[in-house]
Each structure stands twice: as C-alpha cells, then as structure tokens.
Amino acid sequence: MKSEIKLLSGAMATLAVSVSVLVVLPYLQVHDAAPLPGLKPYSSAELRGREVYIANGCVYCHSQQPRAKAFAPDFARGWGRATVAGDYAYDRPHLLGTMRTGPDLMNIGVRQPSEQWQLGHLYQPRAYVPGSIMPSFPYLFELKPQADKDEVTVQLPAGAAPAGRVVVARPQALDLVRYLQSLDRSYPAVPADRGGP
C-alpha cells in the first residue's frame, strides 16, 4: 500500500511540475502580449477567410510560425523573420500549425500579394508550382460560360483553364485570399528605439 501511495504522489508531483513549466509559466509570460505596431485587426472578410482556412484544414499542412535563424533555415527560404507573441494578438484560436507539408504561410501576403496568383493557386496548384502536392479546391470556384460584370474571374496559365468556360471565384475563395493576403508580418518585431539610453 505504501508503494502505491508513493507512486501516486510521485506521478501527481511530476504532473504538477510539468503543467507549471509547460502551461502556466508560458501563459504568464505571453497572455497579455500587446499587438506590435504595424499589426492590424482582421477585417470581416479576412475573418470569414480565416474560417474557410480552418474549415478546409489548411493548418494541417501549413504552419504560421517562422523560426529564428539559429533554429531553422526559414529566413533563408524567404519566409520572413521569426514571429513573436505580439504577432498573434488578434488570433483566436492561434493557427500556429505543426506540419510543414507545404511552406509556412505567415508572410504569404508579402511573398505572393497578387489576388490572381492566390486564386489560381487555390484552383489548380500545379499550374503555379509544378510538382505541388497541395490539393485543388474547385468547390471554391464556379465554371461558367461567361462571368457577370461584378464577378471575379480567375486568369489561369495556358493549359490550366477549362475549354470554353471561365473560372469564377466564389465569395469563400475571395475571403480566403483576403485572409492569406493579411498574413504580413514584415514590420519590425521590436518597436524602434525612441531615443533612450
């Protein structure tokens, strides 16, 4: 009986220390991180696009957390500076991601700011990145004989466009692109020195 109590006590102590170090201390450090100067709240279209991003499982293949130069070649890949807590001030839930089947998307709004590129890449990724394993999302688009004047058509590369039809972006695709374009953390991670010592 004594050994069972010691085992249970040891397990509870280990759990308490682990939770303190891995959950409580990090929370106390970053729970009130203010947004960095340059970070803007999401617009309503960007928030709708974020929901499309979540619903389509983009977070399963893409991260949103470039790492520091000392830990990974993310900067050399052109993914931008390492992120800090203030970069995620408006994100609920945080979409950090753990897999990198595809590239990190935190600064995709800087690397690929073109709406047409983003829409075309969502419709047919291999037309833009040969050998890509990203799935296409044709249900975010509509094929029509011709588009209405207020609809956004996707200008695809030769050979990727369907014959005799135009590809029209649905509102969900446009919102998703707005969200991707908002992923721009190219401002400095540390506020500029204001003339202090």
C-alpha atoms as a PDB file:
ATOM      1  CA  MET A   1       0.000   0.000   0.000  1.00  0.00           C
ATOM      2  CA  LYS A   2       2.865   2.418   0.808  1.00  0.00           C
ATOM      3  CA  SER A   3       4.463   1.928  -2.606  1.00  0.00           C
ATOM      4  CA  GLU A   4       1.149   2.734  -4.336  1.00  0.00           C
ATOM      5  CA  ILE A   5       0.862   5.985  -2.381  1.00  0.00           C
ATOM      6  CA  LYS A   6       4.463   6.900  -3.231  1.00  0.00           C
ATOM      7  CA  LEU A   7       3.864   6.105  -6.900  1.00  0.00           C
ATOM      8  CA  LEU A   8       0.670   8.162  -6.995  1.00  0.00           C
ATOM      9  CA  SER A   9       2.316  11.044  -5.120  1.00  0.00           C
ATOM     10  CA  GLY A  10       5.296  10.990  -7.491  1.00  0.00           C
ATOM     11  CA  ALA A  11       3.020  10.950 -10.536  1.00  0.00           C
ATOM     12  CA  MET A  12       0.973  13.878  -9.212  1.00  0.00           C
ATOM     13  CA  ALA A  13       4.120  15.855  -8.390  1.00  0.00           C
ATOM     14  CA  THR A  14       5.515  15.186 -11.872  1.00  0.00           C
ATOM     15  CA  LEU A  15       2.215  16.271 -13.448  1.00  0.00           C
ATOM     16  CA  ALA A  16       2.107  19.439 -11.336  1.00  0.00           C
ATOM     17  CA  VAL A  17       5.678  20.407 -12.262  1.00  0.00           C
ATOM     18  CA  SER A  18       5.058  19.653 -15.951  1.00  0.00           C
ATOM     19  CA  VAL A  19       1.866  21.718 -16.079  1.00  0.00           C
ATOM     20  CA  SER A  20       3.583  24.575 -14.259  1.00  0.00           C
ATOM     21  CA  VAL A  21       6.574  24.640 -16.592  1.00  0.00           C
ATOM     22  CA  LEU A  22       4.797  23.891 -19.887  1.00  0.00           C
ATOM     23  CA  VAL A  23       1.459  25.675 -19.390  1.00  0.00           C
ATOM     24  CA  VAL A  24       1.342  28.133 -16.507  1.00  0.00           C
ATOM     25  CA  LEU A  25       4.718  29.876 -16.930  1.00  0.00           C
ATOM     26  CA  PRO A  26       4.367  30.411 -20.715  1.00  0.00           C
ATOM     27  CA  TYR A  27       0.827  31.683 -20.194  1.00  0.00           C
ATOM     28  CA  LEU A  28       2.006  34.188 -17.598  1.00  0.00           C
ATOM     29  CA  GLN A  29       4.714  35.394 -19.981  1.00  0.00           C
ATOM     30  CA  VAL A  30       2.547  35.973 -23.081  1.00  0.00           C
ATOM     31  CA  HIS A  31      -1.118  36.132 -22.024  1.00  0.00           C
ATOM     32  CA  ASP A  32      -1.272  39.910 -22.300  1.00  0.00           C
ATOM     33  CA  ALA A  33       1.096  40.421 -25.238  1.00  0.00           C
ATOM     34  CA  ALA A  34       0.149  43.657 -26.929  1.00  0.00           C
ATOM     35  CA  PRO A  35      -0.085  43.791 -30.707  1.00  0.00           C
ATOM     36  CA  LEU A  36       3.080  45.096 -32.304  1.00  0.00           C
ATOM     37  CA  PRO A  37       2.959  48.445 -34.083  1.00  0.00           C
ATOM     38  CA  GLY A  38       2.065  47.613 -37.669  1.00  0.00           C
ATOM     39  CA  LEU A  39      -0.292  44.729 -36.839  1.00  0.00           C
ATOM     40  CA  LYS A  40      -3.872  45.485 -37.831  1.00  0.00           C
ATOM     41  CA  PRO A  41      -7.023  43.724 -36.637  1.00  0.00           C
ATOM     42  CA  TYR A  42      -8.636  41.431 -39.193  1.00  0.00           C
ATOM     43  CA  SER A  43     -11.421  42.841 -41.343  1.00  0.00           C
ATOM     44  CA  SER A  44     -14.728  40.991 -41.570  1.00  0.00           C
ATOM     45  CA  ALA A  45     -13.730  39.499 -44.958  1.00  0.00           C
ATOM     46  CA  GLU A  46     -10.399  38.336 -43.507  1.00  0.00           C
ATOM     47  CA  LEU A  47     -12.160  36.751 -40.531  1.00  0.00           C
ATOM     48  CA  ARG A  48     -14.529  34.903 -42.895  1.00  0.00           C
ATOM     49  CA  GLY A  49     -11.480  33.797 -44.888  1.00  0.00           C
ATOM     50  CA  ARG A  50      -9.836  32.573 -41.710  1.00  0.00           C
ATOM     51  CA  GLU A  51     -12.896  30.388 -41.115  1.00  0.00           C
ATOM     52  CA  VAL A  52     -12.533  28.984 -44.661  1.00  0.00           C
ATOM     53  CA  TYR A  53      -8.831  28.343 -43.911  1.00  0.00           C
ATOM     54  CA  ILE A  54      -9.784  26.401 -40.781  1.00  0.00           C
ATOM     55  CA  ALA A  55     -12.694  24.548 -42.424  1.00  0.00           C
ATOM     56  CA  ASN A  56     -10.509  23.321 -45.285  1.00  0.00           C
ATOM     57  CA  GLY A  57      -7.757  22.056 -42.989  1.00  0.00           C
ATOM     58  CA  CYS A  58      -5.020  24.341 -44.321  1.00  0.00           C
ATOM     59  CA  VAL A  59      -3.467  24.393 -40.848  1.00  0.00           C
ATOM     60  CA  TYR A  60      -2.744  20.665 -41.132  1.00  0.00           C
ATOM     61  CA  CYS A  61      -0.165  21.226 -43.871  1.00  0.00           C
ATOM     62  CA  HIS A  62       0.957  24.826 -43.315  1.00  0.00           C
ATOM     63  CA  SER A  63       2.443  26.460 -40.261  1.00  0.00           C
ATOM     64  CA  GLN A  64       2.290  30.155 -39.373  1.00  0.00           C
ATOM     65  CA  GLN A  65       5.409  30.476 -37.268  1.00  0.00           C
ATOM     66  CA  PRO A  66       8.719  31.136 -38.999  1.00  0.00           C
ATOM     67  CA  ARG A  67      11.541  30.206 -36.654  1.00  0.00           C
ATOM     68  CA  ALA A  68      14.682  32.115 -35.693  1.00  0.00           C
ATOM     69  CA  LYS A  69      17.792  31.849 -37.886  1.00  0.00           C
ATOM     70  CA  ALA A  70      19.596  29.873 -35.177  1.00  0.00           C
ATOM     71  CA  PHE A  71      16.977  27.111 -35.208  1.00  0.00           C
ATOM     72  CA  ALA A  72      15.940  26.648 -38.845  1.00  0.00           C
ATOM     73  CA  PRO A  73      16.557  27.914 -42.388  1.00  0.00           C
ATOM     74  CA  ASP A  74      13.153  29.650 -42.505  1.00  0.00           C
ATOM     75  CA  PHE A  75      14.650  33.103 -43.148  1.00  0.00           C
ATOM     76  CA  ALA A  76      16.828  31.723 -45.952  1.00  0.00           C
ATOM     77  CA  ARG A  77      13.695  30.224 -47.528  1.00  0.00           C
ATOM     78  CA  GLY A  78      12.192  33.721 -47.671  1.00  0.00           C
ATOM     79  CA  TRP A  79       9.567  33.065 -45.006  1.00  0.00           C
ATOM     80  CA  GLY A  80      10.419  36.201 -43.035  1.00  0.00           C
ATOM     81  CA  ARG A  81      11.607  36.908 -39.541  1.00  0.00           C
ATOM     82  CA  ALA A  82      10.820  34.727 -36.554  1.00  0.00           C
ATOM     83  CA  THR A  83       7.447  35.529 -35.065  1.00  0.00           C
ATOM     84  CA  VAL A  84       6.866  36.841 -31.549  1.00  0.00           C
ATOM     85  CA  ALA A  85       3.832  36.746 -29.261  1.00  0.00           C
ATOM     86  CA  GLY A  86       2.601  40.182 -30.399  1.00  0.00           C
ATOM     87  CA  ASP A  87       2.195  38.872 -33.962  1.00  0.00           C
ATOM     88  CA  TYR A  88      -0.724  36.723 -32.804  1.00  0.00           C
ATOM     89  CA  ALA A  89      -2.560  39.316 -30.678  1.00  0.00           C
ATOM     90  CA  TYR A  90      -5.728  39.131 -32.819  1.00  0.00           C
ATOM     91  CA  ASP A  91      -5.661  35.368 -33.491  1.00  0.00           C
ATOM     92  CA  ARG A  92      -8.306  33.314 -31.704  1.00  0.00           C
ATOM     93  CA  PRO A  93      -7.634  30.428 -31.962  1.00  0.00           C
ATOM     94  CA  HIS A  94      -3.967  30.592 -32.842  1.00  0.00           C
ATOM     95  CA  LEU A  95      -3.184  28.723 -36.052  1.00  0.00           C
ATOM     96  CA  LEU A  96       0.488  28.004 -35.495  1.00  0.00           C
ATOM     97  CA  GLY A  97       0.404  24.558 -37.091  1.00  0.00           C
ATOM     98  CA  THR A  98       2.862  21.760 -36.529  1.00  0.00           C
ATOM     99  CA  MET A  99       3.317  20.318 -40.021  1.00  0.00           C
ATOM    100  CA  ARG A 100       5.184  21.755 -42.937  1.00  0.00           C
ATOM    101  CA  THR A 101       3.983  19.638 -45.795  1.00  0.00           C
ATOM    102  CA  GLY A 102       3.644  22.996 -47.533  1.00  0.00           C
ATOM    103  CA  PRO A 103       5.532  26.235 -46.888  1.00  0.00           C
ATOM    104  CA  ASP A 104       4.976  28.421 -43.862  1.00  0.00           C
ATOM    105  CA  LEU A 105       2.236  30.947 -44.648  1.00  0.00           C
ATOM    106  CA  MET A 106       2.850  33.651 -42.056  1.00  0.00           C
ATOM    107  CA  ASN A 107       4.232  36.080 -44.654  1.00  0.00           C
ATOM    108  CA  ILE A 108       2.477  34.795 -47.770  1.00  0.00           C
ATOM    109  CA  GLY A 109       0.830  38.219 -48.085  1.00  0.00           C
ATOM    110  CA  VAL A 110       4.301  39.669 -48.724  1.00  0.00           C
ATOM    111  CA  ARG A 111       5.680  36.844 -50.865  1.00  0.00           C
ATOM    112  CA  GLN A 112       2.600  36.483 -53.084  1.00  0.00           C
ATOM    113  CA  PRO A 113       0.464  39.642 -52.813  1.00  0.00           C
ATOM    114  CA  SER A 114      -1.326  39.025 -56.130  1.00  0.00           C
ATOM    115  CA  GLU A 115      -5.006  38.142 -55.778  1.00  0.00           C
ATOM    116  CA  GLN A 116      -4.938  36.414 -59.172  1.00  0.00           C
ATOM    117  CA  TRP A 117      -1.957  34.234 -58.193  1.00  0.00           C
ATOM    118  CA  GLN A 118      -3.635  33.226 -54.939  1.00  0.00           C
ATOM    119  CA  LEU A 119      -6.956  32.401 -56.629  1.00  0.00           C
ATOM    120  CA  GLY A 120      -5.290  30.464 -59.434  1.00  0.00           C
ATOM    121  CA  HIS A 121      -3.137  28.559 -56.960  1.00  0.00           C
ATOM    122  CA  LEU A 122      -6.225  27.561 -54.963  1.00  0.00           C
ATOM    123  CA  TYR A 123      -7.986  26.420 -58.138  1.00  0.00           C
ATOM    124  CA  GLN A 124      -5.047  24.496 -59.642  1.00  0.00           C
ATOM    125  CA  PRO A 125      -1.834  24.493 -57.551  1.00  0.00           C
ATOM    126  CA  ARG A 126       0.248  22.531 -60.067  1.00  0.00           C
ATOM    127  CA  ALA A 127      -0.281  25.218 -62.713  1.00  0.00           C
ATOM    128  CA  TYR A 128       1.737  27.561 -60.489  1.00  0.00           C
ATOM    129  CA  VAL A 129       4.057  25.222 -58.581  1.00  0.00           C
ATOM    130  CA  PRO A 130       4.920  22.151 -60.659  1.00  0.00           C
ATOM    131  CA  GLY A 131       5.064  19.009 -58.541  1.00  0.00           C
ATOM    132  CA  SER A 132       2.977  20.546 -55.740  1.00  0.00           C
ATOM    133  CA  ILE A 133       1.072  18.025 -53.636  1.00  0.00           C
ATOM    134  CA  MET A 134      -1.424  20.628 -52.450  1.00  0.00           C
ATOM    135  CA  PRO A 135      -4.994  19.605 -53.287  1.00  0.00           C
ATOM    136  CA  SER A 136      -7.026  21.866 -55.519  1.00  0.00           C
ATOM    137  CA  PHE A 137     -10.187  23.467 -54.158  1.00  0.00           C
ATOM    138  CA  PRO A 138     -12.540  23.555 -57.179  1.00  0.00           C
ATOM    139  CA  TYR A 139     -15.635  23.886 -54.968  1.00  0.00           C
ATOM    140  CA  LEU A 140     -14.469  27.403 -54.073  1.00  0.00           C
ATOM    141  CA  PHE A 141     -14.988  28.322 -57.732  1.00  0.00           C
ATOM    142  CA  GLU A 142     -17.710  28.127 -60.338  1.00  0.00           C
ATOM    143  CA  LEU A 143     -17.306  27.294 -64.030  1.00  0.00           C
ATOM    144  CA  LYS A 144     -19.488  29.443 -66.287  1.00  0.00           C
ATOM    145  CA  PRO A 145     -19.771  30.147 -69.995  1.00  0.00           C
ATOM    146  CA  GLN A 146     -19.194  33.799 -69.150  1.00  0.00           C
ATOM    147  CA  ALA A 147     -18.930  35.847 -65.978  1.00  0.00           C
ATOM    148  CA  ASP A 148     -21.207  38.640 -64.841  1.00  0.00           C
ATOM    149  CA  LYS A 149     -19.568  42.050 -64.687  1.00  0.00           C
ATOM    150  CA  ASP A 150     -19.347  42.110 -60.863  1.00  0.00           C
ATOM    151  CA  GLU A 151     -17.790  38.626 -60.567  1.00  0.00           C
ATOM    152  CA  VAL A 152     -14.071  37.980 -60.180  1.00  0.00           C
ATOM    153  CA  THR A 153     -12.703  35.685 -62.888  1.00  0.00           C
ATOM    154  CA  VAL A 154      -9.504  33.749 -62.419  1.00  0.00           C
ATOM    155  CA  GLN A 155      -6.864  34.252 -65.093  1.00  0.00           C
ATOM    156  CA  LEU A 156      -5.181  30.846 -65.335  1.00  0.00           C
ATOM    157  CA  PRO A 157      -1.963  29.958 -67.172  1.00  0.00           C
ATOM    158  CA  ALA A 158      -2.271  28.391 -70.616  1.00  0.00           C
ATOM    159  CA  GLY A 159      -3.322  24.750 -70.396  1.00  0.00           C
ATOM    160  CA  ALA A 160      -4.874  25.095 -66.946  1.00  0.00           C
ATOM    161  CA  ALA A 161      -8.044  26.915 -67.980  1.00  0.00           C
ATOM    162  CA  PRO A 162     -11.125  24.813 -68.834  1.00  0.00           C
ATOM    163  CA  ALA A 163     -12.052  24.974 -72.510  1.00  0.00           C
ATOM    164  CA  GLY A 164     -14.968  27.266 -73.325  1.00  0.00           C
ATOM    165  CA  ARG A 165     -15.583  28.306 -69.721  1.00  0.00           C
ATOM    166  CA  VAL A 166     -14.377  30.893 -67.272  1.00  0.00           C
ATOM    167  CA  VAL A 167     -13.479  30.200 -63.664  1.00  0.00           C
ATOM    168  CA  VAL A 168     -15.351  32.494 -61.285  1.00  0.00           C
ATOM    169  CA  ALA A 169     -14.262  32.842 -57.660  1.00  0.00           C
ATOM    170  CA  ARG A 170     -16.999  32.250 -55.094  1.00  0.00           C
ATOM    171  CA  PRO A 171     -17.159  34.581 -52.074  1.00  0.00           C
ATOM    172  CA  GLN A 172     -15.440  31.932 -49.901  1.00  0.00           C
ATOM    173  CA  ALA A 173     -12.421  31.910 -52.236  1.00  0.00           C
ATOM    174  CA  LEU A 174     -12.209  35.702 -52.201  1.00  0.00           C
ATOM    175  CA  ASP A 175     -12.425  35.772 -48.406  1.00  0.00           C
ATOM    176  CA  LEU A 176      -9.725  33.099 -48.113  1.00  0.00           C
ATOM    177  CA  VAL A 177      -7.444  35.148 -50.369  1.00  0.00           C
ATOM    178  CA  ARG A 178      -8.123  38.259 -48.257  1.00  0.00           C
ATOM    179  CA  TYR A 179      -7.047  36.294 -45.185  1.00  0.00           C
ATOM    180  CA  LEU A 180      -3.900  34.982 -46.884  1.00  0.00           C
ATOM    181  CA  GLN A 181      -3.016  38.494 -48.061  1.00  0.00           C
ATOM    182  CA  SER A 182      -3.419  39.749 -44.478  1.00  0.00           C
ATOM    183  CA  LEU A 183      -0.661  37.388 -43.323  1.00  0.00           C
ATOM    184  CA  ASP A 184       2.012  40.066 -43.468  1.00  0.00           C
ATOM    185  CA  ARG A 185       4.413  40.275 -40.540  1.00  0.00           C
ATOM    186  CA  SER A 186       7.115  42.216 -42.361  1.00  0.00           C
ATOM    187  CA  TYR A 187       7.098  45.057 -39.815  1.00  0.00           C
ATOM    188  CA  PRO A 188       9.864  45.001 -37.156  1.00  0.00           C
ATOM    189  CA  ALA A 189       9.393  42.516 -34.314  1.00  0.00           C
ATOM    190  CA  VAL A 190      10.743  45.002 -31.788  1.00  0.00           C
ATOM    191  CA  PRO A 191       9.482  48.590 -31.631  1.00  0.00           C
ATOM    192  CA  ALA A 192      12.056  51.130 -32.783  1.00  0.00           C
ATOM    193  CA  ASP A 193      14.197  52.709 -30.079  1.00  0.00           C
ATOM    194  CA  ARG A 194      12.732  56.056 -29.076  1.00  0.00           C
ATOM    195  CA  GLY A 195      15.999  57.731 -28.197  1.00  0.00           C
ATOM    196  CA  GLY A 196      16.544  56.012 -24.852  1.00  0.00           C
ATOM    197  CA  PRO A 197      19.991  55.381 -23.375  1.00  0.00           C
END
